[in-house]
Every structure is written in C-alpha cells, then in structure tokens.
Amino acid sequence: MRSCDKEENMKHNDTFSFQRGHSWFGLLVVVVGALMLLSACGSSFSPGASVAASTTTSQTPISVASSPTPIPTIAQTMPTPAPGSTQMLMINNESNGSFGFSPAMLTIRVGTTVIWKNMSLAPHTVTSDDGQTFDSGTVAVGSNFRFTFKNAGTFSYHCNIHPYMRATIVVV
C-alpha cells in the first residue's frame, strides 16, 4: 500500500470511529435526557423495563413558593324572621327533668305578638332581663302570656321561679 493510501485510509478510519463514537454519545444523551424527563414527571421507568410494566408512579414533593391563600370567613347571618304577626313559644318540660323555653332563640319582625304557652307541669314567669320591657307575672300550667314587640332590638328573658330558664328574642 502506498503511504499516501495508508494515510488516506487512516483518516477515513478516524473519521468513521469519531462518527461512530458521536452516534453512541448522542444516543446516550437522548436516553439520559428521557430518563431525567420521566423521573421529573413522577414516572418509575427504569432502563430495561418495558413501558407496560412501568405503570406505577411515585410522587416527589416539590417546594413551590407561593403567597398565602386567604382563609374564607363564615359571615354571621341573622336568622330569618319568623313569618306572621303572631308567634307561639312553649314553656316545656325538658328531657332531663328541668324546664325550658322553646325555641330558646327566635327572630321576629317589629309588630309581632309572641304568645308563651305553659305546657309544663309547673307555673313560670316570662320576665325580660331588664325587668321593665315585659313581665308576665305567674303563668299557670296550661295558661299563656302574650306580648307585642313594637321596637327592634335583642330581648333576653328568663323565668323568675326557675332562673336557669333563659331565652332570647331578636326583633328586626
């Protein structure tokens, strides 16, 4: 072989081996990149495993800086006033042997008349906490007391005979 041909042949082999090496390097870069991409997406793909076999995913926690989310507040709503111009409240025997007003909280409109009916086994009073707005005196068993609320406001009341009996009427 001529020395020139030999040189030419060496150049050709060097170019071929560089290109062949370059092809493997490119393939390696593609495979490594694909593996990194799959692992970033939460896949559990591993080299040599079939795609059908890699159906499980793993979740890697990711820290993300964000501004705090405001916590919604629940607005306190006023109960809807009871309809009508007359409302009935009961004075009852409670299941624990005590007595109570039912309901313990009532919302009504201005001008509504409230009637307390004593359905319990004992006499009671219906007395406003301020002692001036209303006071039924003694309401006998089976009797009732009525009062018309002419002004808006919150009216707490109790029984003078059984002071633990307490309730509230809101007038809107």
N, C-alpha and C. Protein backbone atom coordinates (compact mmCIF):
# COMPACT_ATOMS: atom_id res chain seq x y z
N MET A 1 0.84 -1.16 0.00
CA MET A 1 0.00 0.00 0.00
C MET A 1 0.89 1.22 0.00
N ARG A 2 0.47 2.17 -0.76
CA ARG A 2 1.25 3.40 -0.80
C ARG A 2 1.09 4.13 0.52
N SER A 3 2.05 4.91 0.86
CA SER A 3 1.98 5.64 2.10
C SER A 3 0.85 6.66 2.05
N CYS A 4 0.62 7.22 0.90
CA CYS A 4 -0.47 8.17 0.72
C CYS A 4 -1.80 7.46 0.90
N ASP A 5 -1.92 6.25 0.34
CA ASP A 5 -3.16 5.49 0.52
C ASP A 5 -3.35 5.10 1.97
N LYS A 6 -2.24 4.78 2.61
CA LYS A 6 -2.30 4.41 4.02
C LYS A 6 -2.79 5.60 4.85
N GLU A 7 -2.25 6.78 4.56
CA GLU A 7 -2.67 7.98 5.28
C GLU A 7 -4.15 8.25 5.03
N GLU A 8 -4.54 8.11 3.79
CA GLU A 8 -5.93 8.33 3.41
C GLU A 8 -6.83 7.35 4.16
N ASN A 9 -6.46 6.08 4.23
CA ASN A 9 -7.21 5.05 4.90
C ASN A 9 -7.30 5.34 6.40
N MET A 10 -6.24 5.83 7.04
CA MET A 10 -6.23 6.17 8.46
C MET A 10 -7.20 7.32 8.75
N LYS A 11 -7.12 8.33 7.85
CA LYS A 11 -8.03 9.45 8.01
C LYS A 11 -9.48 8.97 7.96
N HIS A 12 -9.75 8.09 7.01
CA HIS A 12 -11.10 7.55 6.85
C HIS A 12 -11.51 6.77 8.10
N ASN A 13 -10.67 5.95 8.66
CA ASN A 13 -10.97 5.19 9.88
C ASN A 13 -11.17 6.11 11.07
N ASP A 14 -10.35 7.14 11.20
CA ASP A 14 -10.51 8.09 12.31
C ASP A 14 -11.85 8.81 12.22
N THR A 15 -12.21 9.22 11.02
CA THR A 15 -13.49 9.89 10.83
C THR A 15 -14.62 8.94 11.17
N PHE A 16 -14.49 7.68 10.69
CA PHE A 16 -15.53 6.69 10.95
C PHE A 16 -15.66 6.42 12.45
N SER A 17 -14.55 6.27 13.15
CA SER A 17 -14.62 5.99 14.59
C SER A 17 -15.14 7.20 15.34
N PHE A 18 -14.83 8.41 14.89
CA PHE A 18 -15.36 9.59 15.53
C PHE A 18 -16.88 9.65 15.35
N GLN A 19 -17.33 9.39 14.12
CA GLN A 19 -18.76 9.42 13.85
C GLN A 19 -19.48 8.32 14.62
N ARG A 20 -18.87 7.15 14.68
CA ARG A 20 -19.48 6.06 15.42
C ARG A 20 -19.54 6.42 16.89
N GLY A 21 -18.48 6.97 17.44
CA GLY A 21 -18.45 7.40 18.84
C GLY A 21 -19.46 8.50 19.10
N HIS A 22 -19.56 9.39 18.14
CA HIS A 22 -20.50 10.50 18.25
C HIS A 22 -21.95 9.98 18.28
N SER A 23 -22.23 8.95 17.49
CA SER A 23 -23.57 8.35 17.45
C SER A 23 -23.91 7.75 18.81
N TRP A 24 -22.99 7.05 19.41
CA TRP A 24 -23.23 6.46 20.73
C TRP A 24 -23.41 7.55 21.78
N PHE A 25 -22.61 8.58 21.69
CA PHE A 25 -22.71 9.68 22.64
C PHE A 25 -24.08 10.36 22.52
N GLY A 26 -24.51 10.60 21.29
CA GLY A 26 -25.83 11.21 21.05
C GLY A 26 -26.96 10.34 21.59
N LEU A 27 -26.85 9.02 21.36
CA LEU A 27 -27.85 8.10 21.87
C LEU A 27 -27.87 8.11 23.39
N LEU A 28 -26.68 8.14 23.99
CA LEU A 28 -26.57 8.18 25.44
C LEU A 28 -27.22 9.46 25.99
N VAL A 29 -26.99 10.58 25.34
CA VAL A 29 -27.59 11.85 25.77
C VAL A 29 -29.11 11.77 25.68
N VAL A 30 -29.64 11.19 24.60
CA VAL A 30 -31.09 11.06 24.43
C VAL A 30 -31.68 10.17 25.52
N VAL A 31 -31.04 9.02 25.80
CA VAL A 31 -31.54 8.09 26.81
C VAL A 31 -31.51 8.73 28.19
N VAL A 32 -30.38 9.36 28.54
CA VAL A 32 -30.27 10.02 29.85
C VAL A 32 -31.30 11.14 29.96
N GLY A 33 -31.46 11.93 28.91
CA GLY A 33 -32.45 13.00 28.92
C GLY A 33 -33.86 12.47 29.11
N ALA A 34 -34.18 11.38 28.42
CA ALA A 34 -35.52 10.78 28.54
C ALA A 34 -35.75 10.27 29.96
N LEU A 35 -34.73 9.63 30.54
CA LEU A 35 -34.86 9.14 31.91
C LEU A 35 -35.06 10.29 32.89
N MET A 36 -34.33 11.37 32.69
CA MET A 36 -34.48 12.53 33.58
C MET A 36 -35.87 13.13 33.42
N LEU A 37 -36.35 13.21 32.21
CA LEU A 37 -37.67 13.75 31.96
C LEU A 37 -38.74 12.88 32.61
N LEU A 38 -38.62 11.58 32.47
CA LEU A 38 -39.59 10.67 33.08
C LEU A 38 -39.54 10.74 34.60
N SER A 39 -38.35 10.84 35.17
CA SER A 39 -38.26 10.91 36.63
C SER A 39 -38.81 12.23 37.13
N ALA A 40 -38.65 13.31 36.36
CA ALA A 40 -39.20 14.60 36.77
C ALA A 40 -40.72 14.59 36.71
N CYS A 41 -41.29 13.78 35.86
CA CYS A 41 -42.75 13.68 35.74
C CYS A 41 -43.33 12.71 36.75
N GLY A 42 -42.51 12.06 37.53
CA GLY A 42 -43.02 11.15 38.55
C GLY A 42 -43.14 9.73 38.07
N SER A 43 -42.57 9.37 36.94
CA SER A 43 -42.66 8.00 36.45
C SER A 43 -41.61 7.14 37.13
N SER A 44 -41.86 5.86 37.21
CA SER A 44 -40.88 4.95 37.80
C SER A 44 -40.21 4.11 36.73
N PHE A 45 -40.06 4.66 35.54
CA PHE A 45 -39.43 3.94 34.44
C PHE A 45 -37.97 3.68 34.76
N SER A 46 -37.51 2.46 34.53
CA SER A 46 -36.09 2.16 34.71
C SER A 46 -35.59 1.49 33.44
N PRO A 47 -34.30 1.71 33.10
CA PRO A 47 -33.78 1.12 31.88
C PRO A 47 -33.96 -0.39 31.89
N GLY A 48 -34.33 -0.96 30.78
CA GLY A 48 -34.51 -2.40 30.68
C GLY A 48 -35.91 -2.84 31.01
N ALA A 49 -36.72 -1.98 31.63
CA ALA A 49 -38.10 -2.36 31.97
C ALA A 49 -38.99 -1.99 30.80
N SER A 50 -40.01 -2.78 30.59
CA SER A 50 -40.92 -2.47 29.48
C SER A 50 -41.83 -1.34 29.89
N VAL A 51 -42.33 -0.61 28.92
CA VAL A 51 -43.21 0.53 29.19
C VAL A 51 -44.49 0.05 29.86
N ALA A 52 -45.02 -1.09 29.47
CA ALA A 52 -46.26 -1.59 30.06
C ALA A 52 -46.06 -1.95 31.52
N ALA A 53 -44.85 -2.34 31.92
CA ALA A 53 -44.60 -2.74 33.30
C ALA A 53 -44.41 -1.54 34.20
N SER A 54 -44.21 -0.36 33.64
CA SER A 54 -43.94 0.80 34.49
C SER A 54 -45.18 1.68 34.60
N THR A 55 -46.24 1.13 35.18
CA THR A 55 -47.48 1.87 35.31
C THR A 55 -47.60 2.56 36.65
N THR A 56 -46.79 2.21 37.65
CA THR A 56 -46.87 2.88 38.94
C THR A 56 -46.13 4.19 38.87
N THR A 57 -46.62 5.15 39.62
CA THR A 57 -45.96 6.45 39.67
C THR A 57 -45.58 6.74 41.10
N SER A 58 -44.53 7.50 41.25
CA SER A 58 -44.13 7.92 42.58
C SER A 58 -44.23 9.43 42.62
N GLN A 59 -44.66 9.94 43.72
CA GLN A 59 -44.82 11.37 43.87
C GLN A 59 -43.63 11.91 44.62
N THR A 60 -42.93 12.85 44.03
CA THR A 60 -41.81 13.50 44.68
C THR A 60 -42.28 14.88 45.12
N PRO A 61 -42.19 15.19 46.42
CA PRO A 61 -42.66 16.50 46.87
C PRO A 61 -41.86 17.61 46.20
N ILE A 62 -42.54 18.65 45.79
CA ILE A 62 -41.89 19.78 45.15
C ILE A 62 -42.24 21.01 45.97
N SER A 63 -41.23 21.78 46.34
CA SER A 63 -41.45 23.01 47.08
C SER A 63 -41.75 24.12 46.09
N VAL A 64 -42.85 24.80 46.29
CA VAL A 64 -43.23 25.90 45.43
C VAL A 64 -43.52 27.09 46.33
N ALA A 65 -42.84 28.18 46.08
CA ALA A 65 -43.08 29.38 46.86
C ALA A 65 -44.35 30.03 46.34
N SER A 66 -45.26 30.32 47.24
CA SER A 66 -46.49 30.99 46.83
C SER A 66 -46.95 31.90 47.95
N SER A 67 -47.82 32.81 47.60
CA SER A 67 -48.36 33.69 48.63
C SER A 67 -49.45 32.93 49.37
N PRO A 68 -49.66 33.24 50.65
CA PRO A 68 -50.66 32.50 51.42
C PRO A 68 -52.05 32.70 50.85
N THR A 69 -52.82 31.63 50.89
CA THR A 69 -54.20 31.67 50.41
C THR A 69 -55.06 32.23 51.52
N PRO A 70 -55.88 33.24 51.22
CA PRO A 70 -56.73 33.77 52.28
C PRO A 70 -57.74 32.73 52.72
N ILE A 71 -57.99 32.68 54.02
CA ILE A 71 -58.94 31.73 54.58
C ILE A 71 -60.31 32.40 54.58
N PRO A 72 -61.28 31.75 53.94
CA PRO A 72 -62.61 32.37 53.91
C PRO A 72 -63.22 32.41 55.30
N THR A 73 -63.93 33.47 55.57
CA THR A 73 -64.61 33.57 56.86
C THR A 73 -66.09 33.33 56.64
N ILE A 74 -66.70 32.76 57.64
CA ILE A 74 -68.13 32.49 57.56
C ILE A 74 -68.84 33.68 58.18
N ALA A 75 -69.62 34.34 57.37
CA ALA A 75 -70.34 35.52 57.85
C ALA A 75 -71.44 35.08 58.80
N GLN A 76 -71.56 35.82 59.89
CA GLN A 76 -72.63 35.56 60.84
C GLN A 76 -73.90 36.15 60.25
N THR A 77 -74.85 35.30 59.93
CA THR A 77 -76.09 35.78 59.35
C THR A 77 -77.16 35.82 60.42
N MET A 78 -78.00 36.79 60.29
CA MET A 78 -79.13 36.91 61.19
C MET A 78 -80.16 35.87 60.79
N PRO A 79 -80.74 35.16 61.74
CA PRO A 79 -81.79 34.21 61.38
C PRO A 79 -82.93 34.95 60.69
N THR A 80 -83.57 34.29 59.76
CA THR A 80 -84.70 34.89 59.05
C THR A 80 -85.86 35.06 60.01
N PRO A 81 -86.44 36.25 60.03
CA PRO A 81 -87.56 36.45 60.95
C PRO A 81 -88.70 35.48 60.64
N ALA A 82 -89.33 35.03 61.69
CA ALA A 82 -90.47 34.14 61.53
C ALA A 82 -91.61 34.90 60.85
N PRO A 83 -92.31 34.25 59.94
CA PRO A 83 -93.40 34.94 59.25
C PRO A 83 -94.62 35.10 60.15
N GLY A 84 -95.46 36.03 59.79
CA GLY A 84 -96.73 36.19 60.51
C GLY A 84 -96.65 37.23 61.60
N SER A 85 -97.79 37.62 62.10
CA SER A 85 -97.82 38.65 63.13
C SER A 85 -97.97 38.07 64.54
N THR A 86 -98.08 36.74 64.64
CA THR A 86 -98.17 36.08 65.94
C THR A 86 -97.25 34.86 65.92
N GLN A 87 -96.46 34.72 66.98
CA GLN A 87 -95.57 33.57 67.11
C GLN A 87 -95.83 32.90 68.45
N MET A 88 -95.83 31.58 68.44
CA MET A 88 -96.08 30.81 69.65
C MET A 88 -94.77 30.25 70.18
N LEU A 89 -94.52 30.45 71.46
CA LEU A 89 -93.39 29.84 72.16
C LEU A 89 -93.96 28.94 73.24
N MET A 90 -93.25 27.86 73.51
CA MET A 90 -93.71 26.91 74.52
C MET A 90 -92.81 26.96 75.75
N ILE A 91 -93.43 26.76 76.88
CA ILE A 91 -92.70 26.53 78.12
C ILE A 91 -92.89 25.05 78.37
N ASN A 92 -91.78 24.28 78.26
CA ASN A 92 -91.85 22.82 78.26
C ASN A 92 -91.10 22.18 79.41
N ASN A 93 -91.44 20.90 79.63
CA ASN A 93 -90.61 20.05 80.47
C ASN A 93 -89.50 19.53 79.58
N GLU A 94 -88.27 19.66 80.03
CA GLU A 94 -87.12 19.14 79.27
C GLU A 94 -86.93 17.66 79.60
N SER A 95 -86.21 16.95 78.75
CA SER A 95 -85.99 15.51 78.94
C SER A 95 -85.18 15.20 80.20
N ASN A 96 -84.40 16.18 80.69
CA ASN A 96 -83.59 15.94 81.88
C ASN A 96 -84.33 16.30 83.18
N GLY A 97 -85.63 16.61 83.07
CA GLY A 97 -86.43 16.91 84.26
C GLY A 97 -86.51 18.40 84.56
N SER A 98 -85.75 19.22 83.86
CA SER A 98 -85.81 20.67 84.08
C SER A 98 -86.86 21.26 83.13
N PHE A 99 -86.96 22.58 83.12
CA PHE A 99 -87.90 23.28 82.26
C PHE A 99 -87.14 24.14 81.26
N GLY A 100 -87.81 24.56 80.18
CA GLY A 100 -87.16 25.42 79.20
C GLY A 100 -88.14 26.12 78.29
N PHE A 101 -87.68 27.23 77.68
CA PHE A 101 -88.45 27.94 76.66
C PHE A 101 -88.08 27.33 75.30
N SER A 102 -89.08 27.15 74.45
CA SER A 102 -88.81 26.55 73.15
C SER A 102 -89.52 27.33 72.05
N PRO A 103 -88.79 27.88 71.09
CA PRO A 103 -87.34 27.81 70.96
C PRO A 103 -86.64 28.80 71.90
N ALA A 104 -85.37 28.52 72.15
CA ALA A 104 -84.59 29.37 73.05
C ALA A 104 -84.14 30.65 72.35
N MET A 105 -84.19 30.67 71.01
CA MET A 105 -83.84 31.87 70.23
C MET A 105 -84.87 32.01 69.13
N LEU A 106 -85.44 33.20 69.01
CA LEU A 106 -86.45 33.45 67.99
C LEU A 106 -86.20 34.82 67.39
N THR A 107 -86.28 34.93 66.07
CA THR A 107 -86.15 36.21 65.37
C THR A 107 -87.49 36.53 64.75
N ILE A 108 -87.96 37.75 65.03
CA ILE A 108 -89.28 38.18 64.54
C ILE A 108 -89.17 39.59 63.96
N ARG A 109 -90.26 40.04 63.34
CA ARG A 109 -90.33 41.41 62.82
C ARG A 109 -91.00 42.32 63.86
N VAL A 110 -90.69 43.61 63.76
CA VAL A 110 -91.34 44.60 64.63
C VAL A 110 -92.85 44.47 64.44
N GLY A 111 -93.59 44.55 65.54
CA GLY A 111 -95.05 44.46 65.48
C GLY A 111 -95.59 43.06 65.71
N THR A 112 -94.70 42.06 65.83
CA THR A 112 -95.14 40.68 66.03
C THR A 112 -95.54 40.47 67.49
N THR A 113 -96.63 39.74 67.70
CA THR A 113 -97.06 39.36 69.04
C THR A 113 -96.56 37.95 69.31
N VAL A 114 -95.90 37.80 70.46
CA VAL A 114 -95.40 36.48 70.86
C VAL A 114 -96.30 35.98 71.99
N ILE A 115 -96.69 34.70 71.86
CA ILE A 115 -97.51 34.07 72.90
C ILE A 115 -96.70 32.93 73.49
N TRP A 116 -96.50 32.97 74.83
CA TRP A 116 -95.82 31.89 75.54
C TRP A 116 -96.91 31.01 76.14
N LYS A 117 -96.91 29.75 75.81
CA LYS A 117 -97.91 28.79 76.32
C LYS A 117 -97.20 27.88 77.32
N ASN A 118 -97.69 27.81 78.55
CA ASN A 118 -97.09 26.97 79.57
C ASN A 118 -97.61 25.55 79.45
N MET A 119 -96.79 24.70 78.84
CA MET A 119 -97.14 23.29 78.63
C MET A 119 -96.42 22.39 79.65
N SER A 120 -95.77 22.99 80.62
CA SER A 120 -95.01 22.20 81.60
C SER A 120 -95.90 21.80 82.77
N LEU A 121 -95.29 21.19 83.76
CA LEU A 121 -96.03 20.72 84.94
C LEU A 121 -95.94 21.68 86.12
N ALA A 122 -95.43 22.91 85.87
CA ALA A 122 -95.25 23.87 86.97
C ALA A 122 -95.53 25.29 86.47
N PRO A 123 -95.84 26.20 87.38
CA PRO A 123 -96.02 27.60 86.99
C PRO A 123 -94.66 28.26 86.69
N HIS A 124 -94.70 29.31 85.85
CA HIS A 124 -93.47 30.02 85.45
C HIS A 124 -93.77 31.50 85.27
N THR A 125 -92.68 32.28 85.06
CA THR A 125 -92.83 33.66 84.63
C THR A 125 -92.07 33.83 83.32
N VAL A 126 -92.44 34.87 82.58
CA VAL A 126 -91.71 35.28 81.38
C VAL A 126 -91.33 36.73 81.66
N THR A 127 -90.07 36.94 82.05
CA THR A 127 -89.63 38.24 82.52
C THR A 127 -88.41 38.70 81.74
N SER A 128 -88.49 39.91 81.16
CA SER A 128 -87.33 40.45 80.42
C SER A 128 -86.18 40.65 81.39
N ASP A 129 -84.95 40.46 80.90
CA ASP A 129 -83.78 40.59 81.78
C ASP A 129 -83.64 42.00 82.34
N ASP A 130 -84.14 43.02 81.62
CA ASP A 130 -84.06 44.38 82.15
C ASP A 130 -85.14 44.63 83.19
N GLY A 131 -86.08 43.70 83.33
CA GLY A 131 -87.14 43.80 84.34
C GLY A 131 -88.20 44.83 84.01
N GLN A 132 -88.10 45.51 82.87
CA GLN A 132 -89.04 46.58 82.55
C GLN A 132 -89.82 46.35 81.25
N THR A 133 -89.20 45.70 80.26
CA THR A 133 -89.84 45.58 78.95
C THR A 133 -91.10 44.73 79.03
N PHE A 134 -91.03 43.58 79.67
CA PHE A 134 -92.22 42.75 79.88
C PHE A 134 -92.02 41.85 81.08
N ASP A 135 -93.14 41.54 81.74
CA ASP A 135 -93.15 40.61 82.88
C ASP A 135 -94.54 40.02 82.96
N SER A 136 -94.62 38.73 82.83
CA SER A 136 -95.90 38.04 82.76
C SER A 136 -96.57 37.87 84.12
N GLY A 137 -95.80 37.98 85.19
CA GLY A 137 -96.33 37.50 86.47
C GLY A 137 -96.35 35.98 86.38
N THR A 138 -97.03 35.31 87.26
CA THR A 138 -97.05 33.85 87.24
C THR A 138 -97.99 33.35 86.14
N VAL A 139 -97.43 32.46 85.29
CA VAL A 139 -98.22 31.83 84.22
C VAL A 139 -98.52 30.41 84.68
N ALA A 140 -99.79 30.15 84.98
CA ALA A 140 -100.20 28.84 85.49
C ALA A 140 -100.07 27.77 84.40
N VAL A 141 -100.04 26.52 84.82
CA VAL A 141 -99.98 25.39 83.90
C VAL A 141 -101.18 25.48 82.95
N GLY A 142 -100.93 25.38 81.66
CA GLY A 142 -101.99 25.43 80.65
C GLY A 142 -102.36 26.85 80.24
N SER A 143 -101.86 27.86 80.92
CA SER A 143 -102.18 29.25 80.59
C SER A 143 -101.13 29.81 79.64
N ASN A 144 -101.36 31.08 79.21
CA ASN A 144 -100.38 31.70 78.35
C ASN A 144 -100.19 33.17 78.67
N PHE A 145 -99.15 33.75 78.10
CA PHE A 145 -98.84 35.18 78.23
C PHE A 145 -98.49 35.68 76.84
N ARG A 146 -98.96 36.90 76.51
CA ARG A 146 -98.67 37.46 75.20
C ARG A 146 -98.08 38.85 75.35
N PHE A 147 -97.19 39.18 74.40
CA PHE A 147 -96.56 40.50 74.37
C PHE A 147 -96.26 40.85 72.92
N THR A 148 -96.55 42.14 72.54
CA THR A 148 -96.28 42.61 71.18
C THR A 148 -95.01 43.45 71.21
N PHE A 149 -94.05 43.07 70.35
CA PHE A 149 -92.76 43.76 70.27
C PHE A 149 -92.88 44.91 69.27
N LYS A 150 -92.83 46.15 69.78
CA LYS A 150 -93.02 47.34 68.95
C LYS A 150 -91.71 47.99 68.53
N ASN A 151 -90.59 47.55 69.10
CA ASN A 151 -89.28 48.13 68.78
C ASN A 151 -88.29 47.04 68.41
N ALA A 152 -87.36 47.38 67.49
CA ALA A 152 -86.29 46.45 67.12
C ALA A 152 -85.30 46.35 68.28
N GLY A 153 -84.66 45.21 68.36
CA GLY A 153 -83.64 45.01 69.40
C GLY A 153 -83.54 43.55 69.78
N THR A 154 -82.66 43.28 70.73
CA THR A 154 -82.48 41.92 71.24
C THR A 154 -83.00 41.91 72.67
N PHE A 155 -83.92 40.99 72.92
CA PHE A 155 -84.58 40.93 74.22
C PHE A 155 -84.32 39.57 74.86
N SER A 156 -83.47 39.56 75.87
CA SER A 156 -83.21 38.34 76.64
C SER A 156 -84.21 38.29 77.78
N TYR A 157 -84.65 37.08 78.12
CA TYR A 157 -85.62 36.94 79.19
C TYR A 157 -85.38 35.64 79.96
N HIS A 158 -86.08 35.50 81.08
CA HIS A 158 -85.89 34.35 81.97
C HIS A 158 -87.17 34.08 82.75
N CYS A 159 -87.14 33.03 83.55
CA CYS A 159 -88.23 32.71 84.47
C CYS A 159 -87.76 33.08 85.88
N ASN A 160 -88.51 33.91 86.59
CA ASN A 160 -88.12 34.30 87.95
C ASN A 160 -88.18 33.12 88.92
N ILE A 161 -89.06 32.15 88.66
CA ILE A 161 -89.20 30.99 89.54
C ILE A 161 -88.05 30.01 89.30
N HIS A 162 -87.64 29.85 88.06
CA HIS A 162 -86.56 28.93 87.66
C HIS A 162 -85.52 29.75 86.87
N PRO A 163 -84.60 30.44 87.55
CA PRO A 163 -83.68 31.38 86.89
C PRO A 163 -82.78 30.75 85.81
N TYR A 164 -82.61 29.43 85.82
CA TYR A 164 -81.80 28.79 84.78
C TYR A 164 -82.52 28.79 83.43
N MET A 165 -83.82 29.03 83.43
CA MET A 165 -84.59 29.10 82.19
C MET A 165 -84.31 30.44 81.53
N ARG A 166 -83.63 30.41 80.37
CA ARG A 166 -83.25 31.65 79.68
C ARG A 166 -83.50 31.49 78.18
N ALA A 167 -83.84 32.60 77.53
CA ALA A 167 -84.07 32.61 76.09
C ALA A 167 -83.90 34.03 75.56
N THR A 168 -83.94 34.19 74.23
CA THR A 168 -83.73 35.48 73.59
C THR A 168 -84.66 35.62 72.40
N ILE A 169 -85.19 36.84 72.23
CA ILE A 169 -85.97 37.18 71.05
C ILE A 169 -85.27 38.35 70.36
N VAL A 170 -85.01 38.20 69.06
CA VAL A 170 -84.39 39.26 68.27
C VAL A 170 -85.50 39.83 67.39
N VAL A 171 -85.68 41.16 67.49
CA VAL A 171 -86.71 41.84 66.73
C VAL A 171 -86.04 42.71 65.67
N VAL A 172 -86.38 42.46 64.39
CA VAL A 172 -85.78 43.21 63.28
C VAL A 172 -86.81 44.04 62.55
